[in-house]
């Protein structure tokens, strides 16, 4: 199989948690386990069909879903009343994922804002019962420094005009160095170019919570961190990962934010496959 296998069509689509759109991918035989994919901010789960191809090729099932306010899921674009709503949706998606491979290993995979959702869930009082978590370029600190007065204005707007949108000024070349992937992102009508006040303050609070409670995470984690990320601060991610028990940190030198869409994504896919193989082997040994 190519180190850049390309996307595959979902085995089936479904709705979960009161209307969230989801895509399920199943291998030819009985799955060794299931991976739940949570995408980043202002994008959608359809952008992870190549990742799903890698997972299926490893003999696992995958479930990806459009986060509330994204893709085909309901809600104003990017808006969230409270970050806990993301956690409730993650739990519902986890229940749907478990049904694809009952009793088998369960792995969480989150990219950027999806990794923040995953980490916030793992540090909560009701963490998902997962075998492992894979975190791609977690959104734990914004590379662009926001002046204090703008943060204050954002918090004020979050209270009086929570749906207020501002341009995100995100560019395709910040995400990946692959020209084809850049063109795909720019042409994708399900992506959106804005961020709103309530989401910003809720995500900022979630970042602080994860930083303060990272030691609560009790499952093994793999961190796939873009070393040349123009959006998130790798050093901040590394500091937080260092406080997590049984964390494996990969500094992906030279890669930009979307490591699964980079020109060198083959080596990232290889590590993803290795993690799944280790999870399957550990599960088999425990069952023996």
Protein backbone atom coordinates (compact mmCIF):
# COMPACT_ATOMS: atom_id res chain seq x y z
CA UNK A 1 0.00 0.00 0.00
CA UNK A 2 1.24 3.50 -0.83
CA UNK A 3 2.46 5.68 2.03
CA UNK A 4 -0.13 8.16 0.67
CA UNK A 5 -3.08 5.83 0.14
CA UNK A 6 -5.65 8.46 -0.71
CA UNK A 7 -9.23 8.67 0.60
CA UNK A 8 -11.79 5.90 0.72
CA UNK A 9 -15.57 6.19 0.75
CA UNK A 10 -17.27 5.44 4.07
CA UNK A 11 -18.84 2.02 4.51
CA UNK A 12 -21.92 3.82 5.79
CA UNK A 13 -23.03 7.19 7.09
CA UNK A 14 -25.26 7.84 10.09
CA UNK A 15 -26.52 10.46 12.49
CA UNK A 16 -25.75 10.34 16.21
CA UNK A 17 -26.44 12.43 19.30
CA UNK A 18 -29.50 14.19 17.97
CA UNK A 19 -28.27 14.88 14.47
CA UNK A 20 -24.47 14.82 14.31
CA UNK A 21 -23.30 13.52 10.94
CA UNK A 22 -20.89 10.56 11.10
CA UNK A 23 -19.00 8.30 8.71
CA UNK A 24 -18.13 4.68 9.51
CA UNK A 25 -15.36 2.68 7.88
CA UNK A 26 -15.08 -1.09 8.26
CA UNK A 27 -12.30 -3.50 7.28
CA UNK A 28 -12.99 -6.66 5.27
CA UNK A 29 -12.75 -8.99 8.28
CA UNK A 30 -13.57 -8.66 11.96
CA UNK A 31 -12.03 -5.40 13.20
CA UNK A 32 -9.12 -5.51 15.65
CA UNK A 33 -10.57 -2.41 17.32
CA UNK A 34 -12.09 0.96 16.48
CA UNK A 35 -10.72 4.50 16.21
CA UNK A 36 -12.90 7.56 16.88
CA UNK A 37 -11.72 10.58 14.85
CA UNK A 38 -12.50 14.13 16.01
CA UNK A 39 -11.57 16.79 13.44
CA UNK A 40 -10.28 20.33 13.93
CA UNK A 41 -12.00 23.71 14.02
CA UNK A 42 -13.65 25.13 10.88
CA UNK A 43 -13.31 21.86 8.92
CA UNK A 44 -15.20 18.54 8.83
CA UNK A 45 -14.84 14.78 9.08
CA UNK A 46 -14.78 14.22 5.33
CA UNK A 47 -11.22 15.51 5.29
CA UNK A 48 -10.11 12.39 7.24
CA UNK A 49 -10.98 9.71 4.68
CA UNK A 50 -7.30 9.12 3.89
CA UNK A 51 -6.62 8.67 7.62
CA UNK A 52 -9.56 6.23 7.70
CA UNK A 53 -7.98 4.34 4.79
CA UNK A 54 -4.80 3.84 6.86
CA UNK A 55 -6.84 2.67 9.87
CA UNK A 56 -8.91 0.22 7.80
CA UNK A 57 -5.77 -1.10 6.11
CA UNK A 58 -4.43 -1.87 9.60
CA UNK A 59 -7.52 -4.03 10.20
CA UNK A 60 -9.37 -1.54 12.41
CA UNK A 61 -12.75 0.16 12.08
CA UNK A 62 -13.02 3.94 12.17
CA UNK A 63 -15.78 6.40 13.00
CA UNK A 64 -15.43 10.09 12.19
CA UNK A 65 -18.07 12.70 12.89
CA UNK A 66 -18.79 16.35 12.18
CA UNK A 67 -18.44 18.29 15.41
CA UNK A 68 -21.46 20.40 16.35
CA UNK A 69 -21.51 23.56 14.22
CA UNK A 70 -19.34 21.97 11.53
CA UNK A 71 -19.77 20.10 8.24
CA UNK A 72 -23.16 18.44 7.92
CA UNK A 73 -23.93 18.64 11.66
CA UNK A 74 -26.45 21.13 13.06
CA UNK A 75 -25.62 24.44 14.69
CA UNK A 76 -24.31 27.85 13.69
CA UNK A 77 -20.89 27.52 12.08
CA UNK A 78 -18.24 27.24 14.78
CA UNK A 79 -20.54 28.33 17.58
CA UNK A 80 -20.76 26.49 20.90
CA UNK A 81 -22.74 27.62 23.94
CA UNK A 82 -20.48 25.73 26.35
CA UNK A 83 -17.46 23.49 25.76
CA UNK A 84 -19.12 20.68 27.72
CA UNK A 85 -21.45 20.22 24.74
CA UNK A 86 -18.44 18.96 22.75
CA UNK A 87 -17.73 16.46 25.53
CA UNK A 88 -21.32 15.20 25.51
CA UNK A 89 -21.11 14.77 21.74
CA UNK A 90 -17.79 12.94 22.05
CA UNK A 91 -19.36 10.49 24.51
CA UNK A 92 -22.24 9.87 22.13
CA UNK A 93 -19.84 9.35 19.24
CA UNK A 94 -17.81 6.95 21.40
CA UNK A 95 -20.95 4.87 22.04
CA UNK A 96 -21.58 4.67 18.29
CA UNK A 97 -17.93 3.75 17.66
CA UNK A 98 -18.03 0.92 20.21
CA UNK A 99 -20.91 -0.64 18.26
CA UNK A 100 -18.61 -1.08 15.25
CA UNK A 101 -16.26 -3.32 17.23
CA UNK A 102 -17.93 -4.41 20.50
CA UNK A 103 -15.53 -5.43 23.23
CA UNK A 104 -12.46 -4.55 21.16
CA UNK A 105 -9.77 -1.88 21.81
CA UNK A 106 -11.01 1.69 21.47
CA UNK A 107 -8.65 4.49 20.40
CA UNK A 108 -9.36 8.23 20.37
CA UNK A 109 -7.76 10.31 17.61
CA UNK A 110 -8.11 14.09 17.64
CA UNK A 111 -6.57 16.78 15.48
CA UNK A 112 -5.99 20.39 16.62
CA UNK A 113 -9.30 21.55 18.17
CA UNK A 114 -10.41 17.91 18.06
CA UNK A 115 -7.34 17.04 20.13
CA UNK A 116 -8.34 19.78 22.60
CA UNK A 117 -11.81 18.22 22.86
CA UNK A 118 -10.21 14.80 23.38
CA UNK A 119 -7.80 16.05 26.05
CA UNK A 120 -10.51 18.04 27.83
CA UNK A 121 -12.63 14.86 27.93
CA UNK A 122 -9.72 12.80 29.28
CA UNK A 123 -9.11 15.32 32.07
CA UNK A 124 -12.79 15.50 33.03
CA UNK A 125 -14.55 13.81 35.91
CA UNK A 126 -16.07 11.33 33.40
CA UNK A 127 -13.24 10.45 31.02
CA UNK A 128 -14.02 8.14 28.09
CA UNK A 129 -12.94 4.54 28.65
CA UNK A 130 -10.36 4.29 25.90
CA UNK A 131 -7.32 2.11 25.25
CA UNK A 132 -5.15 4.92 23.84
CA UNK A 133 -5.35 8.50 22.56
CA UNK A 134 -3.56 9.91 19.51
CA UNK A 135 -3.23 13.70 19.49
CA UNK A 136 -2.31 15.52 16.29
CA UNK A 137 -1.02 19.12 16.62
CA UNK A 138 -3.21 19.84 19.67
CA UNK A 139 -4.70 23.33 19.90
CA UNK A 140 -3.31 24.12 23.35
CA UNK A 141 -1.76 27.53 22.72
CA UNK A 142 -2.25 29.82 19.74
CA UNK A 143 0.95 30.75 17.92
CA UNK A 144 -0.43 34.20 17.11
CA UNK A 145 -0.22 36.26 20.29
CA UNK A 146 -3.51 37.96 21.03
CA UNK A 147 -3.13 41.30 22.87
CA UNK A 148 -4.72 41.50 26.29
CA UNK A 149 -7.24 44.13 25.24
CA UNK A 150 -8.48 41.88 22.42
CA UNK A 151 -8.91 38.98 24.84
CA UNK A 152 -10.91 41.31 27.10
CA UNK A 153 -13.06 42.43 24.17
CA UNK A 154 -13.61 38.80 23.18
CA UNK A 155 -14.83 37.94 26.67
CA UNK A 156 -17.16 40.93 26.62
CA UNK A 157 -18.48 39.97 23.18
CA UNK A 158 -18.91 36.37 24.37
CA UNK A 159 -21.40 37.64 26.94
CA UNK A 160 -23.32 40.23 24.94
CA UNK A 161 -22.92 38.95 21.34
CA UNK A 162 -21.71 35.36 21.61
CA UNK A 163 -22.29 34.59 17.93
CA UNK A 164 -20.14 37.49 16.73
CA UNK A 165 -17.88 36.19 13.95
CA UNK A 166 -14.45 37.49 13.04
CA UNK A 167 -12.29 36.45 10.07
CA UNK A 168 -9.84 33.71 11.04
CA UNK A 169 -7.32 34.73 8.32
CA UNK A 170 -6.37 31.06 8.01
CA UNK A 171 -4.33 30.19 4.91
CA UNK A 172 -3.87 26.84 3.20
CA UNK A 173 -0.07 27.12 3.32
CA UNK A 174 -0.23 27.28 7.13
CA UNK A 175 -1.82 23.85 7.15
CA UNK A 176 0.37 21.89 4.75
CA UNK A 177 3.17 22.22 2.22
CA UNK A 178 1.40 19.83 -0.19
CA UNK A 179 0.02 21.91 -3.13
CA UNK A 180 -2.73 19.35 -3.88
CA UNK A 181 -3.92 19.36 -0.27
CA UNK A 182 -3.81 23.16 -0.23
CA UNK A 183 -6.03 23.29 -3.32
CA UNK A 184 -8.45 20.74 -1.82
CA UNK A 185 -8.79 22.82 1.36
CA UNK A 186 -9.36 26.06 -0.57
CA UNK A 187 -12.07 24.48 -2.75
CA UNK A 188 -13.88 22.74 0.11
CA UNK A 189 -17.17 24.56 0.75
CA UNK A 190 -17.69 22.84 4.11
CA UNK A 191 -14.69 24.64 5.60
CA UNK A 192 -15.43 28.14 6.90
CA UNK A 193 -13.22 31.24 7.34
CA UNK A 194 -14.47 32.65 10.66
CA UNK A 195 -14.23 32.23 14.42
CA UNK A 196 -16.78 33.54 16.89
CA UNK A 197 -16.44 35.11 20.30
CA UNK A 198 -18.12 32.43 22.42
CA UNK A 199 -16.11 29.62 20.82
CA UNK A 200 -12.86 31.54 21.43
CA UNK A 201 -13.51 32.06 25.13
CA UNK A 202 -14.79 28.51 25.66
CA UNK A 203 -11.77 27.02 23.87
CA UNK A 204 -9.40 29.28 25.82
CA UNK A 205 -10.93 28.08 29.10
CA UNK A 206 -10.60 24.47 27.94
CA UNK A 207 -6.92 25.03 27.12
CA UNK A 208 -6.27 26.33 30.63
CA UNK A 209 -8.14 23.40 32.16
CA UNK A 210 -6.11 20.85 30.22
CA UNK A 211 -2.85 22.58 31.12
CA UNK A 212 -3.77 22.54 34.82
CA UNK A 213 -5.13 18.97 34.92
CA UNK A 214 -3.00 17.07 32.40
CA UNK A 215 -1.81 14.77 35.17
CA UNK A 216 -5.32 13.30 35.40
CA UNK A 217 -4.94 11.45 32.09
CA UNK A 218 -4.68 7.74 32.87
CA UNK A 219 -4.34 6.12 29.45
CA UNK A 220 -1.30 5.96 27.14
CA UNK A 221 -1.13 8.83 24.66
CA UNK A 222 0.79 9.45 21.43
CA UNK A 223 1.49 13.07 20.47
CA UNK A 224 2.10 13.80 16.76
CA UNK A 225 3.22 17.42 16.88
CA UNK A 226 4.10 19.55 13.85
CA UNK A 227 7.52 21.04 14.51
CA UNK A 228 6.98 23.95 12.10
CA UNK A 229 3.38 24.65 13.10
CA UNK A 230 2.44 28.29 12.34
CA UNK A 231 -0.87 27.98 14.23
CA UNK A 232 -0.16 26.20 17.54
CA UNK A 233 2.89 26.48 19.82
CA UNK A 234 4.79 23.16 19.85
CA UNK A 235 6.77 24.11 22.97
CA UNK A 236 3.55 24.60 24.95
CA UNK A 237 2.26 21.24 23.76
CA UNK A 238 5.52 19.57 24.78
CA UNK A 239 5.33 21.08 28.29
CA UNK A 240 1.81 19.75 28.78
CA UNK A 241 2.63 16.33 27.32
CA UNK A 242 5.53 16.06 29.80
CA UNK A 243 2.98 16.15 32.64
CA UNK A 244 1.00 13.22 31.21
CA UNK A 245 1.85 9.74 32.43
CA UNK A 246 2.78 7.28 29.65
CA UNK A 247 2.95 9.94 26.92
CA UNK A 248 4.99 9.36 23.75
CA UNK A 249 5.90 12.66 22.08
CA UNK A 250 6.89 12.91 18.41
CA UNK A 251 8.46 16.19 17.26
CA UNK A 252 7.69 16.12 13.53
CA UNK A 253 10.45 18.45 12.39
CA UNK A 254 9.58 20.65 9.41
CA UNK A 255 5.93 19.64 9.22
CA UNK A 256 3.13 22.19 9.36
CA UNK A 257 -0.15 22.02 11.26
CA UNK A 258 -2.02 19.24 9.41
CA UNK A 259 0.48 16.42 9.79
CA UNK A 260 -1.92 13.92 8.18
CA UNK A 261 -2.02 16.09 5.03
CA UNK A 262 1.66 16.98 4.80
CA UNK A 263 4.01 16.00 1.98
CA UNK A 264 5.74 13.62 4.40
CA UNK A 265 2.53 12.18 5.81
CA UNK A 266 3.69 8.66 5.01
CA UNK A 267 5.89 8.65 8.13
CA UNK A 268 2.98 9.97 10.21
CA UNK A 269 0.72 7.22 8.86
CA UNK A 270 3.44 4.68 9.68
CA UNK A 271 3.44 5.81 13.32
CA UNK A 272 -0.37 5.68 13.41
CA UNK A 273 -0.20 2.09 12.16
CA UNK A 274 2.47 1.24 14.75
CA UNK A 275 0.32 2.59 17.57
CA UNK A 276 -2.66 0.52 16.46
CA UNK A 277 -0.49 -2.60 16.17
CA UNK A 278 0.77 -2.10 19.73
CA UNK A 279 -2.77 -1.56 21.03
CA UNK A 280 -3.95 -4.77 19.34
CA UNK A 281 -0.97 -6.74 20.66
CA UNK A 282 -1.49 -5.47 24.21
CA UNK A 283 -5.18 -6.35 24.07
CA UNK A 284 -4.40 -9.84 22.76
CA UNK A 285 -1.82 -10.42 25.50
CA UNK A 286 -4.27 -9.32 28.19
CA UNK A 287 -6.93 -11.66 26.81
CA UNK A 288 -4.60 -14.67 26.63
